[in-house]
C-alpha atoms as a PDB file:
ATOM      1  CA  MET A   1     -16.291 -18.487 -22.768  1.00  0.00           C
ATOM      2  CA  LYS A   2     -18.822 -16.704 -20.891  1.00  0.00           C
ATOM      3  CA  PRO A   3     -18.404 -12.845 -20.481  1.00  0.00           C
ATOM      4  CA  LEU A   4     -17.854 -11.601 -17.271  1.00  0.00           C
ATOM      5  CA  GLY A   5     -20.875 -10.468 -15.257  1.00  0.00           C
ATOM      6  CA  PRO A   6     -21.134  -7.259 -13.229  1.00  0.00           C
ATOM      7  CA  ALA A   7     -20.111  -8.636  -9.736  1.00  0.00           C
ATOM      8  CA  THR A   8     -17.040 -10.531 -10.831  1.00  0.00           C
ATOM      9  CA  ALA A   9     -15.902  -7.403 -13.100  1.00  0.00           C
ATOM     10  CA  SER A  10     -16.041  -5.341  -9.932  1.00  0.00           C
ATOM     11  CA  ARG A  11     -14.580  -7.885  -7.636  1.00  0.00           C
ATOM     12  CA  ALA A  12     -11.452  -8.091  -9.946  1.00  0.00           C
ATOM     13  CA  GLU A  13     -11.134  -4.403 -10.248  1.00  0.00           C
ATOM     14  CA  ILE A  14     -11.246  -4.687  -6.106  1.00  0.00           C
ATOM     15  CA  VAL A  15      -8.531  -7.239  -6.399  1.00  0.00           C
ATOM     16  CA  ASN A  16      -6.556  -4.754  -8.895  1.00  0.00           C
ATOM     17  CA  TYR A  17      -6.447  -1.923  -6.242  1.00  0.00           C
ATOM     18  CA  TYR A  18      -5.734  -4.086  -3.454  1.00  0.00           C
ATOM     19  CA  LYS A  19      -2.573  -5.568  -5.509  1.00  0.00           C
ATOM     20  CA  LYS A  20      -1.479  -1.841  -6.449  1.00  0.00           C
ATOM     21  CA  ALA A  21      -1.750  -1.034  -2.593  1.00  0.00           C
ATOM     22  CA  THR A  22       0.218  -4.145  -1.474  1.00  0.00           C
ATOM     23  CA  TYR A  23       3.031  -3.371  -4.094  1.00  0.00           C
ATOM     24  CA  CYS A  24       3.106  -0.039  -2.548  1.00  0.00           C
ATOM     25  CA  TYR A  25       3.277  -1.336   0.897  1.00  0.00           C
ATOM     26  CA  ALA A  26       6.197  -3.609  -0.157  1.00  0.00           C
ATOM     27  CA  ALA A  27       8.332  -1.762  -2.308  1.00  0.00           C
ATOM     28  CA  PRO A  28       9.885   0.494   0.282  1.00  0.00           C
ATOM     29  CA  PHE A  29      11.004  -2.505   2.541  1.00  0.00           C
ATOM     30  CA  GLY A  30      12.125  -4.476  -0.664  1.00  0.00           C
ATOM     31  CA  LEU A  31      14.412  -1.448  -0.865  1.00  0.00           C
ATOM     32  CA  LEU A  32      15.366  -1.750   2.672  1.00  0.00           C
ATOM     33  CA  VAL A  33      16.336  -5.368   2.368  1.00  0.00           C
ATOM     34  CA  LEU A  34      18.281  -4.848  -0.859  1.00  0.00           C
ATOM     35  CA  SER A  35      20.171  -1.928   0.876  1.00  0.00           C
ATOM     36  CA  PHE A  36      22.149  -5.109   2.417  1.00  0.00           C
ATOM     37  CA  LEU A  37      23.482  -5.214  -0.967  1.00  0.00           C
ATOM     38  CA  ILE A  38      23.675  -1.588  -2.203  1.00  0.00           C
ATOM     39  CA  PRO A  39      24.001   0.705   0.594  1.00  0.00           C
ATOM     40  CA  PHE A  40      22.404   3.726  -1.135  1.00  0.00           C
ATOM     41  CA  VAL A  41      19.073   2.058  -1.746  1.00  0.00           C
ATOM     42  CA  GLY A  42      18.243   1.845   1.855  1.00  0.00           C
ATOM     43  CA  ALA A  43      18.201   5.665   1.730  1.00  0.00           C
ATOM     44  CA  VAL A  44      15.902   5.983  -1.024  1.00  0.00           C
ATOM     45  CA  GLY A  45      13.768   3.025   0.672  1.00  0.00           C
ATOM     46  CA  LEU A  46      13.305   5.329   3.749  1.00  0.00           C
ATOM     47  CA  PHE A  47      12.385   8.369   1.651  1.00  0.00           C
ATOM     48  CA  THR A  48      10.032   6.238  -0.717  1.00  0.00           C
ATOM     49  CA  LEU A  49       8.134   4.999   2.782  1.00  0.00           C
ATOM     50  CA  LEU A  50       6.174   8.082   2.980  1.00  0.00           C
ATOM     51  CA  PRO A  51       4.875   8.507  -0.332  1.00  0.00           C
ATOM     52  CA  LEU A  52       4.059   5.298  -1.252  1.00  0.00           C
ATOM     53  CA  GLY A  53       2.337   4.576   1.857  1.00  0.00           C
ATOM     54  CA  LEU A  54       0.036   7.636   0.673  1.00  0.00           C
ATOM     55  CA  ALA A  55      -0.470   6.077  -2.456  1.00  0.00           C
ATOM     56  CA  GLY A  56      -1.052   2.687  -0.945  1.00  0.00           C
ATOM     57  CA  LEU A  57      -3.755   4.190   1.294  1.00  0.00           C
ATOM     58  CA  PHE A  58      -5.531   5.986  -1.933  1.00  0.00           C
ATOM     59  CA  PHE A  59      -5.430   2.351  -3.547  1.00  0.00           C
ATOM     60  CA  THR A  60      -7.029   0.596  -0.540  1.00  0.00           C
ATOM     61  CA  LYS A  61      -9.564   3.288  -0.216  1.00  0.00           C
ATOM     62  CA  ARG A  62     -10.698   3.226  -3.494  1.00  0.00           C
ATOM     63  CA  GLY A  63     -10.822  -0.844  -3.178  1.00  0.00           C
ATOM     64  CA  LEU A  64     -12.689  -0.541   0.027  1.00  0.00           C
ATOM     65  CA  THR A  65     -15.217   1.946  -1.364  1.00  0.00           C
ATOM     66  CA  LEU A  66     -16.131  -0.358  -4.235  1.00  0.00           C
ATOM     67  CA  ALA A  67     -16.275  -3.411  -1.582  1.00  0.00           C
ATOM     68  CA  ALA A  68     -18.609  -1.369   0.640  1.00  0.00           C
ATOM     69  CA  LYS A  69     -20.623  -0.246  -2.358  1.00  0.00           C
ATOM     70  CA  ASN A  70     -21.160  -3.867  -4.056  1.00  0.00           C
ATOM     71  CA  GLY A  71     -21.631  -5.510  -0.255  1.00  0.00           C
ATOM     72  CA  ASP A  72     -18.700  -7.778  -0.504  1.00  0.00           C
ATOM     73  CA  ARG A  73     -17.958  -8.465   2.774  1.00  0.00           C
ATOM     74  CA  GLU A  74     -14.899 -10.653   2.292  1.00  0.00           C
ATOM     75  CA  LYS A  75     -13.074  -7.696   0.206  1.00  0.00           C
ATOM     76  CA  LYS A  76     -14.179  -5.359   2.916  1.00  0.00           C
ATOM     77  CA  ASP A  77     -12.066  -7.253   5.455  1.00  0.00           C
ATOM     78  CA  VAL A  78      -9.264  -7.528   3.458  1.00  0.00           C
ATOM     79  CA  GLY A  79      -9.555  -3.553   2.812  1.00  0.00           C
ATOM     80  CA  TYR A  80      -9.784  -3.085   6.569  1.00  0.00           C
ATOM     81  CA  ALA A  81      -6.424  -5.204   6.926  1.00  0.00           C
ATOM     82  CA  ASN A  82      -4.813  -3.302   4.285  1.00  0.00           C
ATOM     83  CA  LEU A  83      -6.190  -0.186   5.573  1.00  0.00           C
ATOM     84  CA  VAL A  84      -4.372  -0.972   9.123  1.00  0.00           C
ATOM     85  CA  LEU A  85      -0.997  -1.617   6.994  1.00  0.00           C
ATOM     86  CA  GLY A  86      -1.244   1.574   5.597  1.00  0.00           C
ATOM     87  CA  VAL A  87      -1.346   3.243   8.433  1.00  0.00           C
ATOM     88  CA  ILE A  88       1.506   1.473   9.767  1.00  0.00           C
ATOM     89  CA  VAL A  89       3.643   2.030   6.718  1.00  0.00           C
ATOM     90  CA  LEU A  90       2.684   5.622   7.015  1.00  0.00           C
ATOM     91  CA  LEU A  91       3.740   5.975  10.414  1.00  0.00           C
ATOM     92  CA  PHE A  92       7.179   4.410   9.478  1.00  0.00           C
ATOM     93  CA  GLY A  93       7.035   6.942   6.864  1.00  0.00           C
ATOM     94  CA  LEU A  94       6.827   9.927   9.415  1.00  0.00           C
ATOM     95  CA  LEU A  95       9.154   8.182  11.582  1.00  0.00           C
ATOM     96  CA  ALA A  96      11.528   8.287   8.864  1.00  0.00           C
ATOM     97  CA  LEU A  97      10.862  11.587   7.811  1.00  0.00           C
ATOM     98  CA  ALA A  98      11.623  12.780  11.427  1.00  0.00           C
ATOM     99  CA  PHE A  99      15.048  10.647  11.773  1.00  0.00           C
ATOM    100  CA  THR A 100      16.435  12.187   8.541  1.00  0.00           C
ATOM    101  CA  TYR A 101      15.604  15.770   9.641  1.00  0.00           C
ATOM    102  CA  VAL A 102      17.159  15.136  12.977  1.00  0.00           C
ATOM    103  CA  ARG A 103      20.509  13.615  11.338  1.00  0.00           C
ATOM    104  CA  LEU A 104      20.665  16.595   9.084  1.00  0.00           C
ATOM    105  CA  SER A 105      20.326  19.215  11.303  1.00  0.00           C
END
């Protein structure tokens, strides 16, 4: 088997960053769906929206920077889509935090 070339290795690294970001974006929503079976998990899902949204944006930025450096147009497009998804998750996290603040005060 041939060793991976520099373009293939960096592309695999970009995909790895985007996978981590996707898992960060999907985990809170998975917890919210799981809350139909276990009610306590819904609160955990709401509280993890903001930190996991920030972590997902971090991984998206790393992948997008690497894709821009390599000139990989396809992965840059995926990075921009992940960036939009990250901003949406972050806004949901801020709304959940505001909702929690209003309910507790």
